[in-house]
Amino acid sequence: MRAEKQIQYPDHRAPRMRGEMIRRHRTRKGYTQAHIARLVGMDESAYSKRERTGTGLDSVENLYEMAQILDIDFVELVRVGCPPSDLDHNALLDTIIRTVELLRDWH
């Protein structure tokens, strides 16, 4: 089993902010928490906690999965909670490259 890559954010509120963003996109699409929970293979209460607190939304794999399901721009989701000065273009490019490498291994 490979270890998930964790994304570090300068703002401790970033996980909760990502959860709120995911909730907004989910409700706009008319999806229930139960529906998304089934898609990601979790029970509804665990998914609800993920959306409410951002728990589990600090790995590249989980963020990518949610971006794909909800049709969210992956880079936008990664940047939630990061002031532009804290996540420069090189760091963002590095995150994207690592994500592509992980996804190649995943599929």
C-alpha atoms as a PDB file:
ATOM      1  CA  MET A   1       0.000   0.000   0.000  1.00  0.00           C
ATOM      2  CA  ARG A   2       1.481   3.346  -0.986  1.00  0.00           C
ATOM      3  CA  ALA A   3       1.423   6.349   1.291  1.00  0.00           C
ATOM      4  CA  GLU A   4      -0.792   9.248   0.323  1.00  0.00           C
ATOM      5  CA  LYS A   5       0.901  12.555  -0.409  1.00  0.00           C
ATOM      6  CA  GLN A   6      -0.216  15.219   2.042  1.00  0.00           C
ATOM      7  CA  ILE A   7      -0.575  18.837   1.001  1.00  0.00           C
ATOM      8  CA  GLN A   8       0.551  21.309   3.646  1.00  0.00           C
ATOM      9  CA  TYR A   9      -1.299  24.617   3.941  1.00  0.00           C
ATOM     10  CA  PRO A  10      -0.275  27.739   5.862  1.00  0.00           C
ATOM     11  CA  ASP A  11      -3.840  28.423   7.021  1.00  0.00           C
ATOM     12  CA  HIS A  12      -5.207  25.912   9.545  1.00  0.00           C
ATOM     13  CA  ARG A  13      -8.724  26.705   8.266  1.00  0.00           C
ATOM     14  CA  ALA A  14      -7.922  25.377   4.776  1.00  0.00           C
ATOM     15  CA  PRO A  15      -9.389  21.870   5.331  1.00  0.00           C
ATOM     16  CA  ARG A  16     -12.717  23.303   6.512  1.00  0.00           C
ATOM     17  CA  MET A  17     -12.713  25.790   3.625  1.00  0.00           C
ATOM     18  CA  ARG A  18     -12.162  22.941   1.141  1.00  0.00           C
ATOM     19  CA  GLY A  19     -15.016  20.999   2.747  1.00  0.00           C
ATOM     20  CA  GLU A  20     -17.301  24.025   2.362  1.00  0.00           C
ATOM     21  CA  MET A  21     -16.300  24.419  -1.276  1.00  0.00           C
ATOM     22  CA  ILE A  22     -17.039  20.764  -1.943  1.00  0.00           C
ATOM     23  CA  ARG A  23     -20.423  21.068  -0.194  1.00  0.00           C
ATOM     24  CA  ARG A  24     -21.344  24.092  -2.357  1.00  0.00           C
ATOM     25  CA  HIS A  25     -20.457  22.241  -5.561  1.00  0.00           C
ATOM     26  CA  ARG A  26     -22.271  19.086  -4.402  1.00  0.00           C
ATOM     27  CA  THR A  27     -25.491  20.942  -3.600  1.00  0.00           C
ATOM     28  CA  ARG A  28     -25.357  22.935  -6.855  1.00  0.00           C
ATOM     29  CA  LYS A  29     -25.214  19.648  -8.737  1.00  0.00           C
ATOM     30  CA  GLY A  30     -28.132  18.306  -6.704  1.00  0.00           C
ATOM     31  CA  TYR A  31     -26.140  15.416  -5.225  1.00  0.00           C
ATOM     32  CA  THR A  32     -26.818  14.127  -1.727  1.00  0.00           C
ATOM     33  CA  GLN A  33     -24.100  13.279   0.749  1.00  0.00           C
ATOM     34  CA  ALA A  34     -25.246   9.651   0.534  1.00  0.00           C
ATOM     35  CA  HIS A  35     -24.691   9.642  -3.240  1.00  0.00           C
ATOM     36  CA  ILE A  36     -21.162  11.046  -2.994  1.00  0.00           C
ATOM     37  CA  ALA A  37     -20.357   8.731  -0.081  1.00  0.00           C
ATOM     38  CA  ARG A  38     -21.274   5.726  -2.258  1.00  0.00           C
ATOM     39  CA  LEU A  39     -19.100   7.031  -5.093  1.00  0.00           C
ATOM     40  CA  VAL A  40     -16.049   7.396  -2.861  1.00  0.00           C
ATOM     41  CA  GLY A  41     -16.687   4.186  -0.930  1.00  0.00           C
ATOM     42  CA  MET A  42     -17.420   5.621   2.513  1.00  0.00           C
ATOM     43  CA  ASP A  43     -20.400   5.561   4.783  1.00  0.00           C
ATOM     44  CA  GLU A  44     -22.557   8.670   4.826  1.00  0.00           C
ATOM     45  CA  SER A  45     -21.569   9.808   8.335  1.00  0.00           C
ATOM     46  CA  ALA A  46     -17.850   9.646   7.474  1.00  0.00           C
ATOM     47  CA  TYR A  47     -18.455  11.601   4.287  1.00  0.00           C
ATOM     48  CA  SER A  48     -20.546  14.163   6.169  1.00  0.00           C
ATOM     49  CA  LYS A  49     -17.652  14.694   8.580  1.00  0.00           C
ATOM     50  CA  ARG A  50     -15.254  15.076   5.637  1.00  0.00           C
ATOM     51  CA  GLU A  51     -17.409  17.810   4.151  1.00  0.00           C
ATOM     52  CA  ARG A  52     -18.061  19.537   7.493  1.00  0.00           C
ATOM     53  CA  THR A  53     -14.489  19.512   8.836  1.00  0.00           C
ATOM     54  CA  GLY A  54     -12.299  18.878   5.811  1.00  0.00           C
ATOM     55  CA  THR A  55     -10.943  15.702   7.413  1.00  0.00           C
ATOM     56  CA  GLY A  56      -9.315  13.578   4.735  1.00  0.00           C
ATOM     57  CA  LEU A  57      -9.094  16.425   2.257  1.00  0.00           C
ATOM     58  CA  ASP A  58      -5.363  16.953   2.656  1.00  0.00           C
ATOM     59  CA  SER A  59      -4.206  14.204   0.321  1.00  0.00           C
ATOM     60  CA  VAL A  60      -3.682  14.684  -3.386  1.00  0.00           C
ATOM     61  CA  GLU A  61      -5.637  11.519  -4.129  1.00  0.00           C
ATOM     62  CA  ASN A  62      -8.722  12.578  -2.170  1.00  0.00           C
ATOM     63  CA  LEU A  63      -8.703  16.084  -3.599  1.00  0.00           C
ATOM     64  CA  TYR A  64      -8.339  14.762  -7.128  1.00  0.00           C
ATOM     65  CA  GLU A  65     -11.175  12.290  -6.617  1.00  0.00           C
ATOM     66  CA  MET A  66     -13.508  14.988  -5.304  1.00  0.00           C
ATOM     67  CA  ALA A  67     -12.539  17.366  -8.123  1.00  0.00           C
ATOM     68  CA  GLN A  68     -13.370  14.693 -10.695  1.00  0.00           C
ATOM     69  CA  ILE A  69     -16.704  13.711  -9.138  1.00  0.00           C
ATOM     70  CA  LEU A  70     -17.922  17.282  -8.693  1.00  0.00           C
ATOM     71  CA  ASP A  71     -16.302  18.764 -11.803  1.00  0.00           C
ATOM     72  CA  ILE A  72     -14.211  21.213  -9.770  1.00  0.00           C
ATOM     73  CA  ASP A  73     -10.970  22.637 -11.133  1.00  0.00           C
ATOM     74  CA  PHE A  74      -8.311  20.604  -9.297  1.00  0.00           C
ATOM     75  CA  VAL A  75      -5.881  23.540  -9.063  1.00  0.00           C
ATOM     76  CA  GLU A  76      -8.613  25.747  -7.613  1.00  0.00           C
ATOM     77  CA  LEU A  77      -9.376  23.093  -4.991  1.00  0.00           C
ATOM     78  CA  VAL A  78      -5.688  22.732  -4.078  1.00  0.00           C
ATOM     79  CA  ARG A  79      -5.330  26.491  -3.684  1.00  0.00           C
ATOM     80  CA  VAL A  80      -8.236  26.883  -1.223  1.00  0.00           C
ATOM     81  CA  GLY A  81      -6.885  28.476   1.938  1.00  0.00           C
ATOM     82  CA  CYS A  82      -3.614  29.566   0.360  1.00  0.00           C
ATOM     83  CA  PRO A  83      -2.953  33.229  -0.217  1.00  0.00           C
ATOM     84  CA  PRO A  84      -1.381  33.670  -3.665  1.00  0.00           C
ATOM     85  CA  SER A  85       1.915  34.736  -2.106  1.00  0.00           C
ATOM     86  CA  ASP A  86       2.113  31.484  -0.108  1.00  0.00           C
ATOM     87  CA  LEU A  87       1.590  29.142  -3.039  1.00  0.00           C
ATOM     88  CA  ASP A  88       3.842  30.340  -5.812  1.00  0.00           C
ATOM     89  CA  HIS A  89       3.782  29.005  -9.338  1.00  0.00           C
ATOM     90  CA  ASN A  90       6.711  26.639  -8.758  1.00  0.00           C
ATOM     91  CA  ALA A  91       5.053  25.029  -5.746  1.00  0.00           C
ATOM     92  CA  LEU A  92       1.801  24.699  -7.655  1.00  0.00           C
ATOM     93  CA  LEU A  93       3.567  23.175 -10.638  1.00  0.00           C
ATOM     94  CA  ASP A  94       5.361  20.739  -8.321  1.00  0.00           C
ATOM     95  CA  THR A  95       2.024  19.719  -6.786  1.00  0.00           C
ATOM     96  CA  ILE A  96       0.498  19.161 -10.211  1.00  0.00           C
ATOM     97  CA  ILE A  97       3.470  17.104 -11.411  1.00  0.00           C
ATOM     98  CA  ARG A  98       3.355  14.932  -8.277  1.00  0.00           C
ATOM     99  CA  THR A  99      -0.379  14.495  -8.757  1.00  0.00           C
ATOM    100  CA  VAL A 100       0.032  13.341 -12.344  1.00  0.00           C
ATOM    101  CA  GLU A 101       2.716  10.858 -11.247  1.00  0.00           C
ATOM    102  CA  LEU A 102       0.471   9.501  -8.489  1.00  0.00           C
ATOM    103  CA  LEU A 103      -2.460   9.178 -10.840  1.00  0.00           C
ATOM    104  CA  ARG A 104      -0.371   7.233 -13.337  1.00  0.00           C
ATOM    105  CA  ASP A 105       0.522   4.790 -10.571  1.00  0.00           C
ATOM    106  CA  TRP A 106      -3.085   4.700  -9.326  1.00  0.00           C
ATOM    107  CA  HIS A 107      -4.689   3.742 -12.651  1.00  0.00           C
END
